[in-house]
């Protein structure tokens, strides 16, 4: 790597560390922060980064990455103050992990494709931590993302469908069971069957290489755009949605669908 580029990166990162030191010393708000007080802010910043990625906006992605980097430096500063760890410990920990989890790059293990890399990663993770397969799934993850991570992890140890198409029998089975419970008016069982159906659909998405969170979010955005068109068209016509029939709204909705394709 070009020495000038390396020097610039190190200088820029050192400046961030120096700024953090000064903020922690002189800013009343920064002085007051703890691991716990920063936690929710970090989660918020992560979602803001996810939004920027969804918008495919490089400037916003850069800005949100900076915000997250600040949080990493902030946590590390607090860690150094309580004499538990500092930023060099954080960097060394991830350096060691990346080397140990990539024996196909830094060792003599072979990995023919991405799937083998992921399986090796999960095996190594279990061996290193001496924990069970699902212990690494954060309990606070949103349910849809958590379902995907659970299924991804068990796949890493071979617990998966032999063929993609087999999942559709399971999906249809879950739909049938859900309809049975709805007909019986068993509210608690209906909830359980909805959960089973969602879980099987997440499984299907995974098997076909689709991220279910991204897929659902794109549908959310599409719906919001179309409904926004419906509202705007209605307002311009001097009407109220509450006063319109569903058939009248559907006419404009179909227009919005055509507008999407332009």
C-alpha atoms as a PDB file:
ATOM      1  CA  UNK A   1       0.000   0.000   0.000  1.00  0.00           C
ATOM      2  CA  UNK A   2       1.150   3.533  -0.781  1.00  0.00           C
ATOM      3  CA  UNK A   3       2.992   4.947   2.267  1.00  0.00           C
ATOM      4  CA  UNK A   4       1.322   8.346   1.861  1.00  0.00           C
ATOM      5  CA  UNK A   5      -2.134   6.770   2.021  1.00  0.00           C
ATOM      6  CA  UNK A   6      -1.157   4.738   5.083  1.00  0.00           C
ATOM      7  CA  UNK A   7       0.263   7.810   6.843  1.00  0.00           C
ATOM      8  CA  UNK A   8      -2.922   9.770   6.092  1.00  0.00           C
ATOM      9  CA  UNK A   9      -5.142   7.037   7.521  1.00  0.00           C
ATOM     10  CA  UNK A  10      -3.092   6.744  10.693  1.00  0.00           C
ATOM     11  CA  UNK A  11      -2.921  10.523  11.122  1.00  0.00           C
ATOM     12  CA  UNK A  12      -6.671  10.905  10.604  1.00  0.00           C
ATOM     13  CA  UNK A  13      -7.491   8.132  13.060  1.00  0.00           C
ATOM     14  CA  UNK A  14      -5.095   9.549  15.661  1.00  0.00           C
ATOM     15  CA  UNK A  15      -6.851  12.909  15.316  1.00  0.00           C
ATOM     16  CA  UNK A  16     -10.177  11.217  16.070  1.00  0.00           C
ATOM     17  CA  UNK A  17      -8.681   9.628  19.195  1.00  0.00           C
ATOM     18  CA  UNK A  18      -7.273  12.999  20.289  1.00  0.00           C
ATOM     19  CA  UNK A  19     -10.643  14.692  19.734  1.00  0.00           C
ATOM     20  CA  UNK A  20     -12.323  11.982  21.828  1.00  0.00           C
ATOM     21  CA  UNK A  21      -9.813  12.515  24.641  1.00  0.00           C
ATOM     22  CA  UNK A  22     -10.522  16.245  24.632  1.00  0.00           C
ATOM     23  CA  UNK A  23     -14.296  15.802  24.499  1.00  0.00           C
ATOM     24  CA  UNK A  24     -14.208  13.367  27.400  1.00  0.00           C
ATOM     25  CA  UNK A  25     -12.224  15.871  29.425  1.00  0.00           C
ATOM     26  CA  UNK A  26     -13.968  19.129  28.542  1.00  0.00           C
ATOM     27  CA  UNK A  27     -17.536  18.448  27.319  1.00  0.00           C
ATOM     28  CA  UNK A  28     -20.169  17.984  30.081  1.00  0.00           C
ATOM     29  CA  UNK A  29     -22.304  15.693  27.916  1.00  0.00           C
ATOM     30  CA  UNK A  30     -19.407  13.507  26.766  1.00  0.00           C
ATOM     31  CA  UNK A  31     -18.038  13.256  30.314  1.00  0.00           C
ATOM     32  CA  UNK A  32     -21.366  11.927  31.551  1.00  0.00           C
ATOM     33  CA  UNK A  33     -21.740   9.049  29.072  1.00  0.00           C
ATOM     34  CA  UNK A  34     -21.409   5.367  30.020  1.00  0.00           C
ATOM     35  CA  UNK A  35     -21.658   2.049  28.176  1.00  0.00           C
ATOM     36  CA  UNK A  36     -25.329   1.913  29.135  1.00  0.00           C
ATOM     37  CA  UNK A  37     -26.192   5.477  28.122  1.00  0.00           C
ATOM     38  CA  UNK A  38     -24.594   5.027  24.694  1.00  0.00           C
ATOM     39  CA  UNK A  39     -26.243   1.676  23.965  1.00  0.00           C
ATOM     40  CA  UNK A  40     -29.551   2.944  22.536  1.00  0.00           C
ATOM     41  CA  UNK A  41     -27.771   5.712  20.636  1.00  0.00           C
ATOM     42  CA  UNK A  42     -25.528   3.099  19.006  1.00  0.00           C
ATOM     43  CA  UNK A  43     -28.556   1.058  17.966  1.00  0.00           C
ATOM     44  CA  UNK A  44     -30.111   4.200  16.464  1.00  0.00           C
ATOM     45  CA  UNK A  45     -26.926   4.993  14.544  1.00  0.00           C
ATOM     46  CA  UNK A  46     -26.850   1.442  13.185  1.00  0.00           C
ATOM     47  CA  UNK A  47     -30.378   1.812  11.845  1.00  0.00           C
ATOM     48  CA  UNK A  48     -29.469   5.168  10.303  1.00  0.00           C
ATOM     49  CA  UNK A  49     -26.577   3.478   8.508  1.00  0.00           C
ATOM     50  CA  UNK A  50     -28.952   0.751   7.315  1.00  0.00           C
ATOM     51  CA  UNK A  51     -31.301   3.440   5.956  1.00  0.00           C
ATOM     52  CA  UNK A  52     -28.429   5.133   4.110  1.00  0.00           C
ATOM     53  CA  UNK A  53     -27.426   1.802   2.581  1.00  0.00           C
ATOM     54  CA  UNK A  54     -31.039   1.186   1.502  1.00  0.00           C
ATOM     55  CA  UNK A  55     -31.024   4.585  -0.220  1.00  0.00           C
ATOM     56  CA  UNK A  56     -27.677   3.703  -1.856  1.00  0.00           C
ATOM     57  CA  UNK A  57     -26.368   7.145  -0.917  1.00  0.00           C
ATOM     58  CA  UNK A  58     -22.541   7.039  -0.589  1.00  0.00           C
ATOM     59  CA  UNK A  59     -22.297  10.426   1.158  1.00  0.00           C
ATOM     60  CA  UNK A  60     -24.852   9.407   3.778  1.00  0.00           C
ATOM     61  CA  UNK A  61     -23.205   5.985   4.196  1.00  0.00           C
ATOM     62  CA  UNK A  62     -19.865   7.719   4.795  1.00  0.00           C
ATOM     63  CA  UNK A  63     -21.418  10.031   7.378  1.00  0.00           C
ATOM     64  CA  UNK A  64     -23.222   7.253   9.229  1.00  0.00           C
ATOM     65  CA  UNK A  65     -20.071   5.104   9.258  1.00  0.00           C
ATOM     66  CA  UNK A  66     -18.303   8.045  10.875  1.00  0.00           C
ATOM     67  CA  UNK A  67     -20.979   8.210  13.559  1.00  0.00           C
ATOM     68  CA  UNK A  68     -20.578   4.498  14.268  1.00  0.00           C
ATOM     69  CA  UNK A  69     -16.797   4.819  14.328  1.00  0.00           C
ATOM     70  CA  UNK A  70     -17.175   7.560  16.920  1.00  0.00           C
ATOM     71  CA  UNK A  71     -19.186   5.182  19.089  1.00  0.00           C
ATOM     72  CA  UNK A  72     -16.473   2.503  18.853  1.00  0.00           C
ATOM     73  CA  UNK A  73     -13.857   5.057  19.876  1.00  0.00           C
ATOM     74  CA  UNK A  74     -16.160   6.317  22.659  1.00  0.00           C
ATOM     75  CA  UNK A  75     -16.683   2.846  24.130  1.00  0.00           C
ATOM     76  CA  UNK A  76     -12.957   2.199  23.913  1.00  0.00           C
ATOM     77  CA  UNK A  77     -12.195   5.457  25.726  1.00  0.00           C
ATOM     78  CA  UNK A  78     -14.560   4.512  28.555  1.00  0.00           C
ATOM     79  CA  UNK A  79     -12.991   1.050  28.630  1.00  0.00           C
ATOM     80  CA  UNK A  80      -9.536   2.569  29.051  1.00  0.00           C
ATOM     81  CA  UNK A  81     -10.738   4.805  31.884  1.00  0.00           C
ATOM     82  CA  UNK A  82     -11.974   1.816  33.880  1.00  0.00           C
ATOM     83  CA  UNK A  83      -8.770  -0.039  32.930  1.00  0.00           C
ATOM     84  CA  UNK A  84     -10.558  -2.868  31.114  1.00  0.00           C
ATOM     85  CA  UNK A  85      -9.529  -2.310  27.471  1.00  0.00           C
ATOM     86  CA  UNK A  86      -8.560   0.426  24.999  1.00  0.00           C
ATOM     87  CA  UNK A  87      -8.806   0.963  21.257  1.00  0.00           C
ATOM     88  CA  UNK A  88      -5.658  -1.076  20.572  1.00  0.00           C
ATOM     89  CA  UNK A  89      -7.158  -4.040  22.463  1.00  0.00           C
ATOM     90  CA  UNK A  90     -10.331  -3.724  20.386  1.00  0.00           C
ATOM     91  CA  UNK A  91      -8.351  -3.655  17.128  1.00  0.00           C
ATOM     92  CA  UNK A  92      -6.106  -6.545  18.182  1.00  0.00           C
ATOM     93  CA  UNK A  93      -9.123  -8.650  19.154  1.00  0.00           C
ATOM     94  CA  UNK A  94     -10.694  -8.308  15.714  1.00  0.00           C
ATOM     95  CA  UNK A  95      -7.318  -8.796  13.994  1.00  0.00           C
ATOM     96  CA  UNK A  96      -6.845 -12.098  15.824  1.00  0.00           C
ATOM     97  CA  UNK A  97     -10.408 -13.195  15.130  1.00  0.00           C
ATOM     98  CA  UNK A  98     -10.181 -12.440  11.401  1.00  0.00           C
ATOM     99  CA  UNK A  99      -6.944 -14.418  11.075  1.00  0.00           C
ATOM    100  CA  UNK A 100      -8.209 -17.409  13.062  1.00  0.00           C
ATOM    101  CA  UNK A 101     -11.573 -17.474  11.256  1.00  0.00           C
ATOM    102  CA  UNK A 102      -9.969 -17.351   7.780  1.00  0.00           C
ATOM    103  CA  UNK A 103      -7.601 -20.344   7.721  1.00  0.00           C
ATOM    104  CA  UNK A 104      -8.199 -20.572   3.969  1.00  0.00           C
ATOM    105  CA  UNK A 105      -6.444 -17.189   3.658  1.00  0.00           C
ATOM    106  CA  UNK A 106      -3.961 -17.170   6.540  1.00  0.00           C
ATOM    107  CA  UNK A 107      -3.481 -20.935   6.942  1.00  0.00           C
ATOM    108  CA  UNK A 108      -3.508 -24.132   4.916  1.00  0.00           C
ATOM    109  CA  UNK A 109      -7.252 -24.868   4.897  1.00  0.00           C
ATOM    110  CA  UNK A 110      -9.115 -24.908   1.580  1.00  0.00           C
ATOM    111  CA  UNK A 111     -12.486 -23.248   0.943  1.00  0.00           C
ATOM    112  CA  UNK A 112     -13.893 -23.734  -2.530  1.00  0.00           C
ATOM    113  CA  UNK A 113     -16.736 -21.242  -2.259  1.00  0.00           C
ATOM    114  CA  UNK A 114     -18.612 -18.770  -0.081  1.00  0.00           C
ATOM    115  CA  UNK A 115     -20.756 -21.504   1.501  1.00  0.00           C
ATOM    116  CA  UNK A 116     -17.701 -23.426   2.717  1.00  0.00           C
ATOM    117  CA  UNK A 117     -16.248 -20.208   4.156  1.00  0.00           C
ATOM    118  CA  UNK A 118     -19.460 -19.607   6.142  1.00  0.00           C
ATOM    119  CA  UNK A 119     -19.575 -23.202   7.401  1.00  0.00           C
ATOM    120  CA  UNK A 120     -15.924 -23.057   8.490  1.00  0.00           C
ATOM    121  CA  UNK A 121     -16.609 -19.751  10.262  1.00  0.00           C
ATOM    122  CA  UNK A 122     -19.455 -21.234  12.305  1.00  0.00           C
ATOM    123  CA  UNK A 123     -17.468 -24.356  13.211  1.00  0.00           C
ATOM    124  CA  UNK A 124     -14.498 -22.263  14.338  1.00  0.00           C
ATOM    125  CA  UNK A 125     -16.745 -19.905  16.277  1.00  0.00           C
ATOM    126  CA  UNK A 126     -18.235 -22.785  18.268  1.00  0.00           C
ATOM    127  CA  UNK A 127     -14.803 -24.308  18.925  1.00  0.00           C
ATOM    128  CA  UNK A 128     -13.317 -21.008  20.089  1.00  0.00           C
ATOM    129  CA  UNK A 129     -16.132 -20.081  22.448  1.00  0.00           C
ATOM    130  CA  UNK A 130     -17.065 -23.589  23.600  1.00  0.00           C
ATOM    131  CA  UNK A 131     -20.728 -22.539  23.341  1.00  0.00           C
ATOM    132  CA  UNK A 132     -23.724 -24.004  21.554  1.00  0.00           C
ATOM    133  CA  UNK A 133     -24.615 -23.190  17.966  1.00  0.00           C
ATOM    134  CA  UNK A 134     -27.272 -20.551  18.677  1.00  0.00           C
ATOM    135  CA  UNK A 135     -25.635 -18.820  21.644  1.00  0.00           C
ATOM    136  CA  UNK A 136     -24.200 -16.134  19.359  1.00  0.00           C
ATOM    137  CA  UNK A 137     -27.599 -14.873  18.192  1.00  0.00           C
ATOM    138  CA  UNK A 138     -28.302 -11.618  20.088  1.00  0.00           C
ATOM    139  CA  UNK A 139     -31.575 -11.768  21.990  1.00  0.00           C
ATOM    140  CA  UNK A 140     -32.357  -8.132  21.138  1.00  0.00           C
ATOM    141  CA  UNK A 141     -32.337  -8.641  17.347  1.00  0.00           C
ATOM    142  CA  UNK A 142     -35.618  -7.854  15.575  1.00  0.00           C
ATOM    143  CA  UNK A 143     -37.566 -11.092  15.104  1.00  0.00           C
ATOM    144  CA  UNK A 144     -37.264 -11.223  11.299  1.00  0.00           C
ATOM    145  CA  UNK A 145     -33.491 -10.746  11.336  1.00  0.00           C
ATOM    146  CA  UNK A 146     -33.154 -13.147  14.268  1.00  0.00           C
ATOM    147  CA  UNK A 147     -35.062 -15.884  12.399  1.00  0.00           C
ATOM    148  CA  UNK A 148     -32.718 -15.485   9.441  1.00  0.00           C
ATOM    149  CA  UNK A 149     -29.605 -15.629  11.650  1.00  0.00           C
ATOM    150  CA  UNK A 150     -30.904 -18.708  13.498  1.00  0.00           C
ATOM    151  CA  UNK A 151     -31.469 -20.531  10.241  1.00  0.00           C
ATOM    152  CA  UNK A 152     -28.119 -19.407   8.866  1.00  0.00           C
ATOM    153  CA  UNK A 153     -26.293 -20.688  11.921  1.00  0.00           C
ATOM    154  CA  UNK A 154     -27.920 -24.122  12.005  1.00  0.00           C
ATOM    155  CA  UNK A 155     -27.230 -24.463   8.292  1.00  0.00           C
ATOM    156  CA  UNK A 156     -23.561 -23.985   9.167  1.00  0.00           C
ATOM    157  CA  UNK A 157     -23.597 -27.304  11.031  1.00  0.00           C
ATOM    158  CA  UNK A 158     -25.602 -29.143   8.368  1.00  0.00           C
ATOM    159  CA  UNK A 159     -29.158 -28.718   9.704  1.00  0.00           C
ATOM    160  CA  UNK A 160     -30.893 -27.732   6.488  1.00  0.00           C
ATOM    161  CA  UNK A 161     -33.093 -28.934   3.656  1.00  0.00           C
ATOM    162  CA  UNK A 162     -31.409 -31.209   1.139  1.00  0.00           C
ATOM    163  CA  UNK A 163     -33.161 -29.478  -1.783  1.00  0.00           C
ATOM    164  CA  UNK A 164     -34.533 -25.930  -2.060  1.00  0.00           C
ATOM    165  CA  UNK A 165     -37.927 -26.997  -3.332  1.00  0.00           C
ATOM    166  CA  UNK A 166     -38.630 -29.041  -0.192  1.00  0.00           C
ATOM    167  CA  UNK A 167     -39.334 -25.848   1.738  1.00  0.00           C
ATOM    168  CA  UNK A 168     -42.543 -25.218  -0.221  1.00  0.00           C
ATOM    169  CA  UNK A 169     -44.241 -28.294   1.208  1.00  0.00           C
ATOM    170  CA  UNK A 170     -43.440 -26.890   4.657  1.00  0.00           C
ATOM    171  CA  UNK A 171     -44.793 -23.457   3.746  1.00  0.00           C
ATOM    172  CA  UNK A 172     -48.034 -24.968   2.443  1.00  0.00           C
ATOM    173  CA  UNK A 173     -48.309 -27.141   5.559  1.00  0.00           C
ATOM    174  CA  UNK A 174     -47.978 -24.054   7.782  1.00  0.00           C
ATOM    175  CA  UNK A 175     -50.614 -22.167   5.761  1.00  0.00           C
ATOM    176  CA  UNK A 176     -53.012 -25.108   6.131  1.00  0.00           C
ATOM    177  CA  UNK A 177     -52.419 -25.327   9.889  1.00  0.00           C
ATOM    178  CA  UNK A 178     -52.947 -21.579  10.245  1.00  0.00           C
ATOM    179  CA  UNK A 179     -56.264 -21.687   8.372  1.00  0.00           C
ATOM    180  CA  UNK A 180     -57.430 -24.583  10.549  1.00  0.00           C
ATOM    181  CA  UNK A 181     -56.765 -22.610  13.745  1.00  0.00           C
ATOM    182  CA  UNK A 182     -58.447 -19.510  12.307  1.00  0.00           C
ATOM    183  CA  UNK A 183     -61.538 -21.600  11.549  1.00  0.00           C
ATOM    184  CA  UNK A 184     -61.482 -22.871  15.156  1.00  0.00           C
ATOM    185  CA  UNK A 185     -61.165 -19.298  16.508  1.00  0.00           C
ATOM    186  CA  UNK A 186     -58.175 -20.320  18.667  1.00  0.00           C
ATOM    187  CA  UNK A 187     -56.467 -16.927  19.035  1.00  0.00           C
ATOM    188  CA  UNK A 188     -53.338 -18.160  20.850  1.00  0.00           C
ATOM    189  CA  UNK A 189     -52.840 -20.991  18.395  1.00  0.00           C
ATOM    190  CA  UNK A 190     -53.438 -18.595  15.488  1.00  0.00           C
ATOM    191  CA  UNK A 191     -50.584 -16.438  16.746  1.00  0.00           C
ATOM    192  CA  UNK A 192     -48.329 -19.499  17.043  1.00  0.00           C
ATOM    193  CA  UNK A 193     -49.196 -20.656  13.530  1.00  0.00           C
ATOM    194  CA  UNK A 194     -48.543 -17.185  12.110  1.00  0.00           C
ATOM    195  CA  UNK A 195     -45.118 -17.383  13.728  1.00  0.00           C
ATOM    196  CA  UNK A 196     -44.475 -20.805  12.201  1.00  0.00           C
ATOM    197  CA  UNK A 197     -45.547 -19.514   8.791  1.00  0.00           C
ATOM    198  CA  UNK A 198     -43.299 -16.449   9.001  1.00  0.00           C
ATOM    199  CA  UNK A 199     -40.390 -18.643  10.094  1.00  0.00           C
ATOM    200  CA  UNK A 200     -40.882 -20.999   7.146  1.00  0.00           C
ATOM    201  CA  UNK A 201     -41.097 -18.046   4.708  1.00  0.00           C
ATOM    202  CA  UNK A 202     -37.850 -16.636   6.103  1.00  0.00           C
ATOM    203  CA  UNK A 203     -36.372 -20.092   5.546  1.00  0.00           C
ATOM    204  CA  UNK A 204     -37.597 -20.088   1.949  1.00  0.00           C
ATOM    205  CA  UNK A 205     -36.108 -16.655   1.312  1.00  0.00           C
ATOM    206  CA  UNK A 206     -32.760 -17.789   2.694  1.00  0.00           C
ATOM    207  CA  UNK A 207     -32.736 -20.918   0.543  1.00  0.00           C
ATOM    208  CA  UNK A 208     -33.251 -18.801  -2.567  1.00  0.00           C
ATOM    209  CA  UNK A 209     -30.577 -16.260  -1.669  1.00  0.00           C
ATOM    210  CA  UNK A 210     -32.957 -13.493  -0.625  1.00  0.00           C
ATOM    211  CA  UNK A 211     -32.434 -11.440   2.522  1.00  0.00           C
ATOM    212  CA  UNK A 212     -35.952 -11.363   4.039  1.00  0.00           C
ATOM    213  CA  UNK A 213     -35.357  -8.101   5.914  1.00  0.00           C
ATOM    214  CA  UNK A 214     -34.244  -6.321   2.744  1.00  0.00           C
ATOM    215  CA  UNK A 215     -37.084  -7.845   0.728  1.00  0.00           C
ATOM    216  CA  UNK A 216     -39.727  -6.752   3.236  1.00  0.00           C
ATOM    217  CA  UNK A 217     -38.241  -3.274   3.553  1.00  0.00           C
ATOM    218  CA  UNK A 218     -38.335  -2.806  -0.223  1.00  0.00           C
ATOM    219  CA  UNK A 219     -42.003  -3.785  -0.165  1.00  0.00           C
ATOM    220  CA  UNK A 220     -42.580  -1.343   2.717  1.00  0.00           C
ATOM    221  CA  UNK A 221     -41.012   1.442   0.671  1.00  0.00           C
ATOM    222  CA  UNK A 222     -42.995   0.478  -2.423  1.00  0.00           C
ATOM    223  CA  UNK A 223     -46.260   0.496  -0.469  1.00  0.00           C
ATOM    224  CA  UNK A 224     -45.459   3.869   1.127  1.00  0.00           C
ATOM    225  CA  UNK A 225     -44.665   5.362  -2.286  1.00  0.00           C
ATOM    226  CA  UNK A 226     -47.909   4.085  -3.797  1.00  0.00           C
ATOM    227  CA  UNK A 227     -49.989   5.184  -0.818  1.00  0.00           C
ATOM    228  CA  UNK A 228     -48.313   8.587  -0.969  1.00  0.00           C
ATOM    229  CA  UNK A 229     -49.395   8.823  -4.616  1.00  0.00           C
ATOM    230  CA  UNK A 230     -52.926   7.876  -3.599  1.00  0.00           C
ATOM    231  CA  UNK A 231     -53.017  10.561  -0.903  1.00  0.00           C
ATOM    232  CA  UNK A 232     -51.546  13.238  -3.154  1.00  0.00           C
ATOM    233  CA  UNK A 233     -53.947  12.470  -6.019  1.00  0.00           C
ATOM    234  CA  UNK A 234     -56.899  12.499  -3.623  1.00  0.00           C
ATOM    235  CA  UNK A 235     -55.935  15.822  -2.063  1.00  0.00           C
ATOM    236  CA  UNK A 236     -55.481  17.434  -5.477  1.00  0.00           C
ATOM    237  CA  UNK A 237     -58.975  16.287  -6.397  1.00  0.00           C
ATOM    238  CA  UNK A 238     -60.324  17.938  -3.253  1.00  0.00           C
ATOM    239  CA  UNK A 239     -61.449  14.630  -1.785  1.00  0.00           C
ATOM    240  CA  UNK A 240     -60.874  12.777   1.484  1.00  0.00           C
ATOM    241  CA  UNK A 241     -59.710   9.162   1.664  1.00  0.00           C
ATOM    242  CA  UNK A 242     -62.231   8.500   4.428  1.00  0.00           C
ATOM    243  CA  UNK A 243     -65.052   9.527   2.136  1.00  0.00           C
ATOM    244  CA  UNK A 244     -63.910   7.413  -0.819  1.00  0.00           C
ATOM    245  CA  UNK A 245     -64.980   3.853  -1.495  1.00  0.00           C
ATOM    246  CA  UNK A 246     -62.403   1.090  -1.733  1.00  0.00           C
ATOM    247  CA  UNK A 247     -63.158   0.750  -5.458  1.00  0.00           C
ATOM    248  CA  UNK A 248     -62.389   4.456  -5.983  1.00  0.00           C
ATOM    249  CA  UNK A 249     -59.130   4.119  -4.098  1.00  0.00           C
ATOM    250  CA  UNK A 250     -58.180   1.005  -6.065  1.00  0.00           C
ATOM    251  CA  UNK A 251     -58.441   2.936  -9.357  1.00  0.00           C
ATOM    252  CA  UNK A 252     -55.799   5.404  -8.140  1.00  0.00           C
ATOM    253  CA  UNK A 253     -53.777   2.563  -6.605  1.00  0.00           C
ATOM    254  CA  UNK A 254     -53.540   0.903 -10.003  1.00  0.00           C
ATOM    255  CA  UNK A 255     -52.338   4.226 -11.428  1.00  0.00           C
ATOM    256  CA  UNK A 256     -49.638   4.311  -8.748  1.00  0.00           C
ATOM    257  CA  UNK A 257     -48.512   0.805  -9.740  1.00  0.00           C
ATOM    258  CA  UNK A 258     -48.116   1.941 -13.356  1.00  0.00           C
ATOM    259  CA  UNK A 259     -46.283   5.046 -12.183  1.00  0.00           C
ATOM    260  CA  UNK A 260     -43.761   2.790 -10.389  1.00  0.00           C
ATOM    261  CA  UNK A 261     -42.776   1.236 -13.703  1.00  0.00           C
ATOM    262  CA  UNK A 262     -41.846   4.540 -15.336  1.00  0.00           C
END
